[in-house]
Amino acid sequence: MPQAKRISSGVPGFDKMAEGGFKEGSINLLCGGAGSGKTTFAIQFLLEGMKRGEPGVYVTFEERKQKLYDDMLEFGWDLEKFEREGLFRFIEYTPQQIKKVLVEGGGTLDAVITQLMAKRLVIDSITSFSLLFKDELSKKESALALFDLINSWNCTALLTSQATSVSTDEVYGQMEFEVDSILIFYHYKVGGIRKRAIEILK
């Protein structure tokens, strides 16, 4: 059987763990608490694509554009430069706007991804979107609709999720059957020194 094409994350250590990176066209969930490195990892994934000429879109419900750009400059990552070159778009949406896209179709997000011919997509974070739905059935149906939309764009996608804990039970309550992979981001102290780690749960 032919092996699925792998998409580099831009993080060498992770790519080695994941046999070359994410599967092309896959939808991947990044779970972890605040400060665990989810957004930084997601931006590095987009940057790796842009360096290869693959346009990327970053959709956020929480981040502010200038703050994100300033924060990433500390790593030497100039998102504004890639935006000028037509390889990157920052879209600040409300969860309600995403819900409207699922119900009505089209909209700004669809137009941007289509016109840019985006190959990589990040939604940061999916938690805010999930809070719009009170029962598990509605959450599952909305997740499936969102994934169908992402698949129609032919993007490789990362969805971040805020987890109050990193227990297996909590993570498996968050779209575990729908996503292609689940990564858990940890940050903890050892001897007073803060360390970070990534676990590939699925």
N, C-alpha and C. Protein backbone atom coordinates (compact mmCIF):
# COMPACT_ATOMS: atom_id res chain seq x y z
N MET A 1 0.84 -1.20 0.00
CA MET A 1 0.00 0.00 0.00
C MET A 1 0.88 1.25 0.00
N PRO A 2 0.57 2.25 -0.85
CA PRO A 2 1.36 3.48 -0.85
C PRO A 2 1.17 4.25 0.45
N GLN A 3 2.26 4.85 0.93
CA GLN A 3 2.20 5.63 2.16
C GLN A 3 1.64 7.02 1.88
N ALA A 4 0.84 7.54 2.83
CA ALA A 4 0.30 8.90 2.69
C ALA A 4 1.44 9.91 2.74
N LYS A 5 1.33 10.95 1.92
CA LYS A 5 2.35 12.00 1.92
C LYS A 5 2.36 12.70 3.26
N ARG A 6 3.55 13.01 3.76
CA ARG A 6 3.70 13.69 5.04
C ARG A 6 4.05 15.16 4.84
N ILE A 7 3.48 16.00 5.71
CA ILE A 7 3.70 17.45 5.67
C ILE A 7 4.54 17.85 6.88
N SER A 8 5.69 18.41 6.64
CA SER A 8 6.58 18.78 7.74
C SER A 8 5.94 19.84 8.64
N SER A 9 6.10 19.65 9.93
CA SER A 9 5.58 20.63 10.90
C SER A 9 6.52 21.81 11.06
N GLY A 10 7.77 21.65 10.62
CA GLY A 10 8.77 22.68 10.87
C GLY A 10 9.48 22.49 12.19
N VAL A 11 9.06 21.48 12.96
CA VAL A 11 9.69 21.16 14.25
C VAL A 11 10.40 19.82 14.07
N PRO A 12 11.73 19.82 13.87
CA PRO A 12 12.45 18.59 13.53
C PRO A 12 12.20 17.43 14.50
N GLY A 13 12.21 17.70 15.80
CA GLY A 13 12.01 16.65 16.78
C GLY A 13 10.64 16.00 16.65
N PHE A 14 9.62 16.83 16.39
CA PHE A 14 8.28 16.29 16.23
C PHE A 14 8.18 15.47 14.95
N ASP A 15 8.73 15.99 13.85
CA ASP A 15 8.65 15.27 12.58
C ASP A 15 9.29 13.88 12.69
N LYS A 16 10.36 13.79 13.47
CA LYS A 16 11.00 12.48 13.66
C LYS A 16 10.06 11.54 14.41
N MET A 17 9.37 12.06 15.44
CA MET A 17 8.41 11.25 16.19
C MET A 17 7.25 10.81 15.32
N ALA A 18 6.83 11.68 14.41
CA ALA A 18 5.61 11.46 13.60
C ALA A 18 5.91 10.90 12.22
N GLU A 19 7.08 10.33 12.05
CA GLU A 19 7.44 9.70 10.78
C GLU A 19 7.39 10.66 9.61
N GLY A 20 7.80 11.90 9.87
CA GLY A 20 7.90 12.88 8.79
C GLY A 20 6.96 14.06 8.90
N GLY A 21 6.03 14.01 9.85
CA GLY A 21 5.11 15.14 10.04
C GLY A 21 3.65 14.69 9.97
N PHE A 22 2.78 15.63 9.64
CA PHE A 22 1.34 15.35 9.56
C PHE A 22 0.99 14.75 8.19
N LYS A 23 -0.04 13.92 8.15
CA LYS A 23 -0.51 13.40 6.88
C LYS A 23 -1.12 14.55 6.07
N GLU A 24 -0.82 14.59 4.79
CA GLU A 24 -1.37 15.64 3.94
C GLU A 24 -2.90 15.57 3.94
N GLY A 25 -3.54 16.73 4.13
CA GLY A 25 -4.99 16.80 4.13
C GLY A 25 -5.64 16.37 5.44
N SER A 26 -4.84 16.14 6.46
CA SER A 26 -5.38 15.67 7.74
C SER A 26 -5.84 16.83 8.61
N ILE A 27 -6.67 16.50 9.62
CA ILE A 27 -7.13 17.46 10.62
C ILE A 27 -6.60 16.99 11.96
N ASN A 28 -5.87 17.86 12.65
CA ASN A 28 -5.12 17.45 13.83
C ASN A 28 -5.44 18.36 15.01
N LEU A 29 -5.63 17.75 16.18
CA LEU A 29 -6.04 18.48 17.38
C LEU A 29 -4.85 18.64 18.31
N LEU A 30 -4.58 19.89 18.73
CA LEU A 30 -3.51 20.20 19.66
C LEU A 30 -4.14 20.60 20.99
N CYS A 31 -3.96 19.79 22.03
CA CYS A 31 -4.57 20.05 23.33
C CYS A 31 -3.52 20.42 24.36
N GLY A 32 -3.85 21.36 25.23
CA GLY A 32 -2.94 21.72 26.31
C GLY A 32 -3.40 22.97 27.02
N GLY A 33 -2.82 23.21 28.16
CA GLY A 33 -3.16 24.39 28.95
C GLY A 33 -2.50 25.65 28.40
N ALA A 34 -2.87 26.78 29.00
CA ALA A 34 -2.28 28.06 28.61
C ALA A 34 -0.77 28.03 28.84
N GLY A 35 -0.02 28.53 27.85
CA GLY A 35 1.42 28.59 28.00
C GLY A 35 2.16 27.32 27.65
N SER A 36 1.43 26.32 27.13
CA SER A 36 2.09 25.04 26.84
C SER A 36 2.74 25.01 25.46
N GLY A 37 2.51 26.04 24.63
CA GLY A 37 3.20 26.13 23.35
C GLY A 37 2.38 25.80 22.13
N LYS A 38 1.06 25.68 22.27
CA LYS A 38 0.21 25.29 21.14
C LYS A 38 0.26 26.31 20.00
N THR A 39 0.09 27.59 20.34
CA THR A 39 0.07 28.62 19.30
C THR A 39 1.42 28.74 18.61
N THR A 40 2.50 28.67 19.37
CA THR A 40 3.84 28.75 18.78
C THR A 40 4.07 27.60 17.82
N PHE A 41 3.68 26.40 18.23
CA PHE A 41 3.80 25.22 17.36
C PHE A 41 2.99 25.42 16.09
N ALA A 42 1.75 25.91 16.24
CA ALA A 42 0.87 26.10 15.09
C ALA A 42 1.43 27.12 14.11
N ILE A 43 1.99 28.22 14.63
CA ILE A 43 2.59 29.23 13.75
C ILE A 43 3.82 28.67 13.05
N GLN A 44 4.61 27.87 13.76
CA GLN A 44 5.79 27.26 13.15
C GLN A 44 5.38 26.32 12.00
N PHE A 45 4.27 25.64 12.18
CA PHE A 45 3.71 24.78 11.12
C PHE A 45 3.35 25.62 9.89
N LEU A 46 2.70 26.77 10.09
CA LEU A 46 2.36 27.65 8.96
C LEU A 46 3.61 28.20 8.30
N LEU A 47 4.59 28.61 9.11
CA LEU A 47 5.82 29.18 8.57
C LEU A 47 6.57 28.18 7.70
N GLU A 48 6.60 26.93 8.15
CA GLU A 48 7.28 25.90 7.36
C GLU A 48 6.65 25.79 5.98
N GLY A 49 5.34 25.87 5.93
CA GLY A 49 4.66 25.82 4.65
C GLY A 49 4.98 27.02 3.79
N MET A 50 4.95 28.21 4.39
CA MET A 50 5.20 29.43 3.62
C MET A 50 6.61 29.45 3.05
N LYS A 51 7.57 28.90 3.79
CA LYS A 51 8.94 28.80 3.28
C LYS A 51 9.02 27.89 2.07
N ARG A 52 8.06 26.98 1.97
CA ARG A 52 8.01 26.06 0.84
C ARG A 52 7.06 26.56 -0.25
N GLY A 53 6.55 27.79 -0.08
CA GLY A 53 5.63 28.35 -1.07
C GLY A 53 4.20 27.91 -0.90
N GLU A 54 3.86 27.37 0.29
CA GLU A 54 2.50 26.91 0.57
C GLU A 54 1.78 27.96 1.41
N PRO A 55 0.79 28.65 0.87
CA PRO A 55 0.09 29.69 1.64
C PRO A 55 -0.60 29.11 2.88
N GLY A 56 -0.67 29.93 3.93
CA GLY A 56 -1.30 29.51 5.18
C GLY A 56 -2.27 30.54 5.72
N VAL A 57 -3.30 30.07 6.42
CA VAL A 57 -4.30 30.95 7.02
C VAL A 57 -4.40 30.63 8.51
N TYR A 58 -4.40 31.69 9.30
CA TYR A 58 -4.52 31.56 10.75
C TYR A 58 -5.84 32.20 11.17
N VAL A 59 -6.76 31.38 11.67
CA VAL A 59 -8.06 31.86 12.13
C VAL A 59 -8.07 31.84 13.65
N THR A 60 -8.42 32.94 14.27
CA THR A 60 -8.41 33.00 15.72
C THR A 60 -9.69 33.62 16.26
N PHE A 61 -10.09 33.16 17.42
CA PHE A 61 -11.22 33.75 18.15
C PHE A 61 -10.71 34.61 19.29
N GLU A 62 -9.42 34.52 19.60
CA GLU A 62 -8.91 35.11 20.84
C GLU A 62 -7.71 36.03 20.66
N GLU A 63 -6.80 35.72 19.73
CA GLU A 63 -5.58 36.49 19.57
C GLU A 63 -5.84 37.83 18.86
N ARG A 64 -5.03 38.82 19.18
CA ARG A 64 -5.06 40.09 18.46
C ARG A 64 -3.89 40.11 17.48
N LYS A 65 -4.16 40.62 16.29
CA LYS A 65 -3.19 40.53 15.21
C LYS A 65 -1.84 41.12 15.58
N GLN A 66 -1.81 42.37 16.02
CA GLN A 66 -0.53 43.02 16.28
C GLN A 66 0.22 42.34 17.41
N LYS A 67 -0.51 41.89 18.43
CA LYS A 67 0.14 41.18 19.54
C LYS A 67 0.79 39.89 19.06
N LEU A 68 0.06 39.14 18.23
CA LEU A 68 0.62 37.90 17.70
C LEU A 68 1.86 38.20 16.86
N TYR A 69 1.77 39.20 15.98
CA TYR A 69 2.91 39.54 15.13
C TYR A 69 4.12 39.94 15.98
N ASP A 70 3.88 40.75 17.01
CA ASP A 70 4.98 41.18 17.89
C ASP A 70 5.58 39.99 18.65
N ASP A 71 4.72 39.11 19.14
CA ASP A 71 5.20 37.94 19.89
C ASP A 71 6.05 37.04 19.00
N MET A 72 5.64 36.85 17.75
CA MET A 72 6.37 35.97 16.85
C MET A 72 7.70 36.57 16.39
N LEU A 73 7.79 37.91 16.39
CA LEU A 73 9.05 38.55 16.04
C LEU A 73 10.16 38.21 17.02
N GLU A 74 9.77 37.85 18.26
CA GLU A 74 10.76 37.45 19.26
C GLU A 74 11.48 36.16 18.84
N PHE A 75 10.83 35.37 17.99
CA PHE A 75 11.46 34.17 17.45
C PHE A 75 12.13 34.43 16.10
N GLY A 76 12.02 35.68 15.63
CA GLY A 76 12.57 36.02 14.32
C GLY A 76 11.62 35.69 13.18
N TRP A 77 10.35 35.52 13.51
CA TRP A 77 9.34 35.15 12.50
C TRP A 77 8.53 36.38 12.11
N ASP A 78 8.71 36.84 10.89
CA ASP A 78 8.09 38.07 10.42
C ASP A 78 6.81 37.73 9.62
N LEU A 79 5.70 37.62 10.33
CA LEU A 79 4.44 37.26 9.68
C LEU A 79 3.96 38.35 8.73
N GLU A 80 4.27 39.60 9.07
CA GLU A 80 3.85 40.71 8.20
C GLU A 80 4.51 40.59 6.83
N LYS A 81 5.74 40.15 6.80
CA LYS A 81 6.47 39.98 5.53
C LYS A 81 5.76 38.93 4.66
N PHE A 82 5.39 37.81 5.26
CA PHE A 82 4.71 36.77 4.50
C PHE A 82 3.31 37.23 4.06
N GLU A 83 2.69 38.08 4.87
CA GLU A 83 1.39 38.62 4.49
C GLU A 83 1.52 39.51 3.26
N ARG A 84 2.56 40.35 3.23
CA ARG A 84 2.80 41.22 2.07
C ARG A 84 3.07 40.39 0.81
N GLU A 85 3.68 39.25 1.00
CA GLU A 85 4.03 38.39 -0.14
C GLU A 85 2.85 37.54 -0.61
N GLY A 86 1.71 37.67 0.09
CA GLY A 86 0.52 36.92 -0.31
C GLY A 86 0.54 35.47 0.09
N LEU A 87 1.34 35.14 1.12
CA LEU A 87 1.45 33.75 1.57
C LEU A 87 0.77 33.51 2.92
N PHE A 88 0.30 34.58 3.54
CA PHE A 88 -0.26 34.43 4.89
C PHE A 88 -1.43 35.38 5.08
N ARG A 89 -2.47 34.87 5.74
CA ARG A 89 -3.59 35.73 6.13
C ARG A 89 -3.97 35.45 7.58
N PHE A 90 -4.19 36.53 8.32
CA PHE A 90 -4.67 36.48 9.69
C PHE A 90 -6.15 36.84 9.66
N ILE A 91 -7.00 35.98 10.19
CA ILE A 91 -8.44 36.24 10.21
C ILE A 91 -8.94 36.14 11.65
N GLU A 92 -9.46 37.25 12.13
CA GLU A 92 -10.05 37.26 13.48
C GLU A 92 -11.56 37.11 13.34
N TYR A 93 -12.07 35.98 13.80
CA TYR A 93 -13.48 35.66 13.70
C TYR A 93 -14.06 35.49 15.09
N THR A 94 -15.37 35.65 15.17
CA THR A 94 -16.06 35.25 16.40
C THR A 94 -16.57 33.82 16.19
N PRO A 95 -16.76 33.06 17.27
CA PRO A 95 -17.33 31.71 17.11
C PRO A 95 -18.67 31.75 16.38
N GLN A 96 -19.45 32.82 16.61
CA GLN A 96 -20.76 32.93 15.93
C GLN A 96 -20.59 33.05 14.41
N GLN A 97 -19.52 33.72 13.98
CA GLN A 97 -19.27 33.86 12.54
C GLN A 97 -18.94 32.51 11.91
N ILE A 98 -18.16 31.70 12.62
CA ILE A 98 -17.85 30.36 12.12
C ILE A 98 -19.13 29.53 12.03
N LYS A 99 -19.98 29.65 13.05
CA LYS A 99 -21.25 28.92 13.06
C LYS A 99 -22.09 29.34 11.85
N LYS A 100 -22.09 30.62 11.53
CA LYS A 100 -22.85 31.13 10.40
C LYS A 100 -22.31 30.56 9.09
N VAL A 101 -20.98 30.44 8.99
CA VAL A 101 -20.37 29.86 7.80
C VAL A 101 -20.84 28.43 7.60
N LEU A 102 -20.93 27.68 8.71
CA LEU A 102 -21.36 26.28 8.62
C LEU A 102 -22.81 26.17 8.18
N VAL A 103 -23.63 27.11 8.64
CA VAL A 103 -25.06 27.07 8.32
C VAL A 103 -25.32 27.57 6.90
N GLU A 104 -24.68 28.69 6.54
CA GLU A 104 -24.98 29.34 5.27
C GLU A 104 -23.98 29.05 4.16
N GLY A 105 -22.76 28.64 4.56
CA GLY A 105 -21.72 28.39 3.57
C GLY A 105 -21.10 29.69 3.09
N GLY A 106 -19.98 29.59 2.39
CA GLY A 106 -19.34 30.77 1.82
C GLY A 106 -18.78 31.70 2.87
N GLY A 107 -18.89 33.00 2.62
CA GLY A 107 -18.40 34.00 3.56
C GLY A 107 -16.94 34.35 3.34
N THR A 108 -16.45 35.27 4.17
CA THR A 108 -15.09 35.78 4.03
C THR A 108 -14.05 34.68 4.16
N LEU A 109 -14.22 33.81 5.14
CA LEU A 109 -13.24 32.76 5.37
C LEU A 109 -13.08 31.86 4.15
N ASP A 110 -14.19 31.42 3.60
CA ASP A 110 -14.16 30.57 2.42
C ASP A 110 -13.49 31.29 1.25
N ALA A 111 -13.82 32.58 1.07
CA ALA A 111 -13.25 33.37 -0.03
C ALA A 111 -11.74 33.52 0.12
N VAL A 112 -11.28 33.80 1.34
CA VAL A 112 -9.85 34.00 1.58
C VAL A 112 -9.07 32.72 1.30
N ILE A 113 -9.55 31.60 1.84
CA ILE A 113 -8.84 30.33 1.66
C ILE A 113 -8.81 29.93 0.20
N THR A 114 -9.93 30.14 -0.49
CA THR A 114 -10.01 29.78 -1.91
C THR A 114 -9.11 30.66 -2.76
N GLN A 115 -9.17 31.98 -2.54
CA GLN A 115 -8.37 32.91 -3.34
C GLN A 115 -6.87 32.74 -3.07
N LEU A 116 -6.52 32.49 -1.80
CA LEU A 116 -5.12 32.33 -1.43
C LEU A 116 -4.59 30.97 -1.88
N MET A 117 -5.50 30.04 -2.15
CA MET A 117 -5.15 28.64 -2.44
C MET A 117 -4.33 28.06 -1.29
N ALA A 118 -4.87 28.29 -0.08
CA ALA A 118 -4.16 27.89 1.14
C ALA A 118 -3.98 26.39 1.20
N LYS A 119 -2.81 25.99 1.67
CA LYS A 119 -2.49 24.57 1.86
C LYS A 119 -2.46 24.19 3.34
N ARG A 120 -2.30 25.20 4.20
CA ARG A 120 -2.22 24.95 5.64
C ARG A 120 -3.18 25.90 6.35
N LEU A 121 -3.85 25.36 7.37
CA LEU A 121 -4.85 26.12 8.10
C LEU A 121 -4.70 25.86 9.59
N VAL A 122 -4.80 26.93 10.37
CA VAL A 122 -4.82 26.82 11.83
C VAL A 122 -6.06 27.51 12.35
N ILE A 123 -6.80 26.84 13.24
CA ILE A 123 -7.91 27.47 13.96
C ILE A 123 -7.56 27.45 15.43
N ASP A 124 -7.44 28.62 16.04
CA ASP A 124 -6.92 28.78 17.40
C ASP A 124 -7.88 29.67 18.22
N SER A 125 -8.68 29.15 19.12
CA SER A 125 -8.78 27.73 19.44
C SER A 125 -10.22 27.26 19.20
N ILE A 126 -10.36 25.97 19.01
CA ILE A 126 -11.66 25.37 18.75
C ILE A 126 -12.54 25.36 19.99
N THR A 127 -11.94 25.55 21.15
CA THR A 127 -12.68 25.51 22.42
C THR A 127 -13.78 26.55 22.45
N SER A 128 -13.47 27.77 22.02
CA SER A 128 -14.47 28.84 22.03
C SER A 128 -15.65 28.51 21.14
N PHE A 129 -15.37 27.87 20.01
CA PHE A 129 -16.43 27.47 19.09
C PHE A 129 -17.32 26.39 19.72
N SER A 130 -16.71 25.43 20.40
CA SER A 130 -17.46 24.33 21.01
C SER A 130 -18.42 24.83 22.09
N LEU A 131 -18.06 25.93 22.73
CA LEU A 131 -18.90 26.46 23.82
C LEU A 131 -20.25 26.98 23.32
N LEU A 132 -20.39 27.17 22.00
CA LEU A 132 -21.67 27.63 21.45
C LEU A 132 -22.75 26.55 21.54
N PHE A 133 -22.33 25.31 21.71
CA PHE A 133 -23.26 24.18 21.65
C PHE A 133 -23.37 23.53 23.03
N LYS A 134 -24.60 23.40 23.52
CA LYS A 134 -24.81 22.98 24.89
C LYS A 134 -24.77 21.48 25.09
N ASP A 135 -25.22 20.72 24.08
CA ASP A 135 -25.26 19.26 24.26
C ASP A 135 -24.23 18.58 23.37
N GLU A 136 -23.89 17.35 23.71
CA GLU A 136 -22.83 16.63 23.01
C GLU A 136 -23.19 16.34 21.55
N LEU A 137 -24.46 16.07 21.28
CA LEU A 137 -24.87 15.79 19.91
C LEU A 137 -24.65 17.00 19.02
N SER A 138 -25.04 18.19 19.51
CA SER A 138 -24.85 19.42 18.73
C SER A 138 -23.37 19.69 18.50
N LYS A 139 -22.54 19.45 19.52
CA LYS A 139 -21.10 19.65 19.38
C LYS A 139 -20.53 18.73 18.31
N LYS A 140 -20.96 17.46 18.34
CA LYS A 140 -20.45 16.50 17.38
C LYS A 140 -20.89 16.86 15.95
N GLU A 141 -22.15 17.25 15.81
CA GLU A 141 -22.66 17.61 14.48
C GLU A 141 -21.93 18.84 13.93
N SER A 142 -21.69 19.82 14.80
CA SER A 142 -20.99 21.03 14.35
C SER A 142 -19.54 20.72 13.99
N ALA A 143 -18.91 19.82 14.76
CA ALA A 143 -17.53 19.43 14.47
C ALA A 143 -17.46 18.74 13.11
N LEU A 144 -18.39 17.84 12.85
CA LEU A 144 -18.42 17.13 11.56
C LEU A 144 -18.63 18.10 10.40
N ALA A 145 -19.51 19.10 10.61
CA ALA A 145 -19.75 20.10 9.57
C ALA A 145 -18.48 20.93 9.32
N LEU A 146 -17.80 21.28 10.40
CA LEU A 146 -16.56 22.05 10.27
C LEU A 146 -15.50 21.23 9.53
N PHE A 147 -15.38 19.96 9.87
CA PHE A 147 -14.38 19.12 9.22
C PHE A 147 -14.70 18.91 7.75
N ASP A 148 -15.97 18.78 7.42
CA ASP A 148 -16.36 18.67 6.01
C ASP A 148 -15.94 19.92 5.24
N LEU A 149 -16.11 21.08 5.88
CA LEU A 149 -15.73 22.34 5.25
C LEU A 149 -14.22 22.40 5.05
N ILE A 150 -13.46 22.02 6.08
CA ILE A 150 -12.00 22.02 5.97
C ILE A 150 -11.54 21.07 4.87
N ASN A 151 -12.16 19.90 4.82
CA ASN A 151 -11.79 18.93 3.78
C ASN A 151 -12.07 19.46 2.38
N SER A 152 -13.12 20.28 2.26
CA SER A 152 -13.45 20.83 0.94
C SER A 152 -12.39 21.83 0.46
N TRP A 153 -11.62 22.36 1.40
CA TRP A 153 -10.55 23.31 1.06
C TRP A 153 -9.24 22.61 0.73
N ASN A 154 -9.16 21.30 0.97
CA ASN A 154 -7.93 20.54 0.70
C ASN A 154 -6.73 21.09 1.47
N CYS A 155 -6.99 21.45 2.73
CA CYS A 155 -5.94 21.95 3.59
C CYS A 155 -5.50 20.88 4.59
N THR A 156 -4.27 20.99 5.05
CA THR A 156 -3.83 20.26 6.24
C THR A 156 -4.06 21.22 7.40
N ALA A 157 -4.82 20.80 8.40
CA ALA A 157 -5.28 21.73 9.44
C ALA A 157 -4.84 21.33 10.84
N LEU A 158 -4.54 22.35 11.64
CA LEU A 158 -4.30 22.18 13.07
C LEU A 158 -5.37 22.95 13.82
N LEU A 159 -6.03 22.30 14.76
CA LEU A 159 -7.01 22.94 15.63
C LEU A 159 -6.47 22.90 17.05
N THR A 160 -6.36 24.05 17.70
CA THR A 160 -5.90 24.05 19.09
C THR A 160 -7.09 23.98 20.03
N SER A 161 -6.85 23.43 21.21
CA SER A 161 -7.91 23.28 22.20
C SER A 161 -7.36 23.53 23.58
N GLN A 162 -8.01 24.42 24.32
CA GLN A 162 -7.62 24.68 25.69
C GLN A 162 -8.12 23.56 26.59
N ALA A 163 -7.23 22.90 27.28
CA ALA A 163 -7.60 21.83 28.21
C ALA A 163 -7.27 22.28 29.62
N THR A 164 -8.24 22.19 30.52
CA THR A 164 -7.99 22.56 31.91
C THR A 164 -7.08 21.56 32.59
N SER A 165 -7.06 20.35 32.03
CA SER A 165 -6.12 19.33 32.46
C SER A 165 -5.70 18.57 31.22
N VAL A 166 -4.74 17.71 31.35
CA VAL A 166 -4.30 16.93 30.19
C VAL A 166 -4.57 15.45 30.44
N SER A 167 -5.64 15.17 31.15
CA SER A 167 -6.02 13.79 31.38
C SER A 167 -6.54 13.18 30.09
N THR A 168 -6.31 11.89 29.92
CA THR A 168 -6.77 11.19 28.72
C THR A 168 -8.28 11.29 28.57
N ASP A 169 -9.01 11.19 29.68
CA ASP A 169 -10.47 11.24 29.62
C ASP A 169 -10.95 12.56 29.05
N GLU A 170 -10.35 13.67 29.48
CA GLU A 170 -10.79 14.97 28.99
C GLU A 170 -10.48 15.13 27.51
N VAL A 171 -9.27 14.73 27.11
CA VAL A 171 -8.89 14.86 25.71
C VAL A 171 -9.78 14.02 24.81
N TYR A 172 -10.11 12.82 25.26
CA TYR A 172 -10.93 11.95 24.44
C TYR A 172 -12.38 12.42 24.37
N GLY A 173 -12.73 13.45 25.11
CA GLY A 173 -14.05 14.03 24.99
C GLY A 173 -14.11 15.12 23.94
N GLN A 174 -12.97 15.40 23.27
CA GLN A 174 -12.89 16.51 22.34
C GLN A 174 -12.62 16.01 20.92
N MET A 175 -13.69 15.55 20.24
CA MET A 175 -13.62 15.19 18.82
C MET A 175 -12.63 14.07 18.53
N GLU A 176 -12.45 13.16 19.50
CA GLU A 176 -11.40 12.16 19.36
C GLU A 176 -11.57 11.25 18.16
N PHE A 177 -12.83 10.99 17.77
CA PHE A 177 -13.04 10.07 16.66
C PHE A 177 -12.98 10.78 15.31
N GLU A 178 -13.21 12.09 15.31
CA GLU A 178 -13.27 12.83 14.06
C GLU A 178 -11.90 13.27 13.55
N VAL A 179 -10.98 13.60 14.47
CA VAL A 179 -9.68 14.11 14.05
C VAL A 179 -8.75 12.97 13.66
N ASP A 180 -7.74 13.30 12.85
CA ASP A 180 -6.78 12.29 12.41
C ASP A 180 -5.67 12.05 13.41
N SER A 181 -5.35 13.07 14.20
CA SER A 181 -4.34 12.88 15.24
C SER A 181 -4.62 13.82 16.41
N ILE A 182 -4.12 13.44 17.57
CA ILE A 182 -4.25 14.25 18.78
C ILE A 182 -2.87 14.41 19.42
N LEU A 183 -2.46 15.65 19.63
CA LEU A 183 -1.22 15.94 20.33
C LEU A 183 -1.55 16.59 21.66
N ILE A 184 -0.87 16.17 22.73
CA ILE A 184 -1.05 16.79 24.03
C ILE A 184 0.22 17.57 24.37
N PHE A 185 0.04 18.84 24.74
CA PHE A 185 1.14 19.72 25.10
C PHE A 185 1.18 19.87 26.63
N TYR A 186 2.34 19.58 27.21
CA TYR A 186 2.53 19.68 28.66
C TYR A 186 3.53 20.79 28.96
N HIS A 187 3.34 21.42 30.11
CA HIS A 187 4.43 22.22 30.67
C HIS A 187 4.43 22.04 32.17
N TYR A 188 5.60 21.76 32.71
CA TYR A 188 5.72 21.38 34.12
C TYR A 188 7.09 21.82 34.63
N LYS A 189 7.25 21.76 35.94
CA LYS A 189 8.51 22.17 36.55
C LYS A 189 9.27 20.95 37.06
N VAL A 190 10.57 20.95 36.80
CA VAL A 190 11.46 19.93 37.34
C VAL A 190 12.63 20.66 38.00
N GLY A 191 12.72 20.55 39.32
CA GLY A 191 13.78 21.25 40.03
C GLY A 191 13.72 22.75 39.86
N GLY A 192 12.50 23.29 39.75
CA GLY A 192 12.32 24.72 39.61
C GLY A 192 12.50 25.23 38.20
N ILE A 193 12.74 24.33 37.26
CA ILE A 193 12.93 24.73 35.85
C ILE A 193 11.71 24.29 35.04
N ARG A 194 11.15 25.23 34.27
CA ARG A 194 9.98 24.95 33.47
C ARG A 194 10.38 24.16 32.22
N LYS A 195 9.70 23.04 31.98
CA LYS A 195 9.96 22.20 30.81
C LYS A 195 8.67 21.99 30.04
N ARG A 196 8.80 21.73 28.77
CA ARG A 196 7.64 21.45 27.91
C ARG A 196 7.83 20.11 27.21
N ALA A 197 6.71 19.48 26.91
CA ALA A 197 6.77 18.19 26.23
C ALA A 197 5.55 18.01 25.36
N ILE A 198 5.65 17.18 24.34
CA ILE A 198 4.54 16.85 23.45
C ILE A 198 4.35 15.34 23.44
N GLU A 199 3.10 14.92 23.59
CA GLU A 199 2.77 13.50 23.49
C GLU A 199 1.85 13.30 22.29
N ILE A 200 2.15 12.30 21.47
CA ILE A 200 1.26 11.94 20.38
C ILE A 200 0.30 10.89 20.91
N LEU A 201 -0.92 11.31 21.20
CA LEU A 201 -1.90 10.42 21.79
C LEU A 201 -2.58 9.56 20.73
N LYS A 202 -2.73 10.12 19.53
CA LYS A 202 -3.40 9.39 18.44
C LYS A 202 -2.66 9.65 17.14
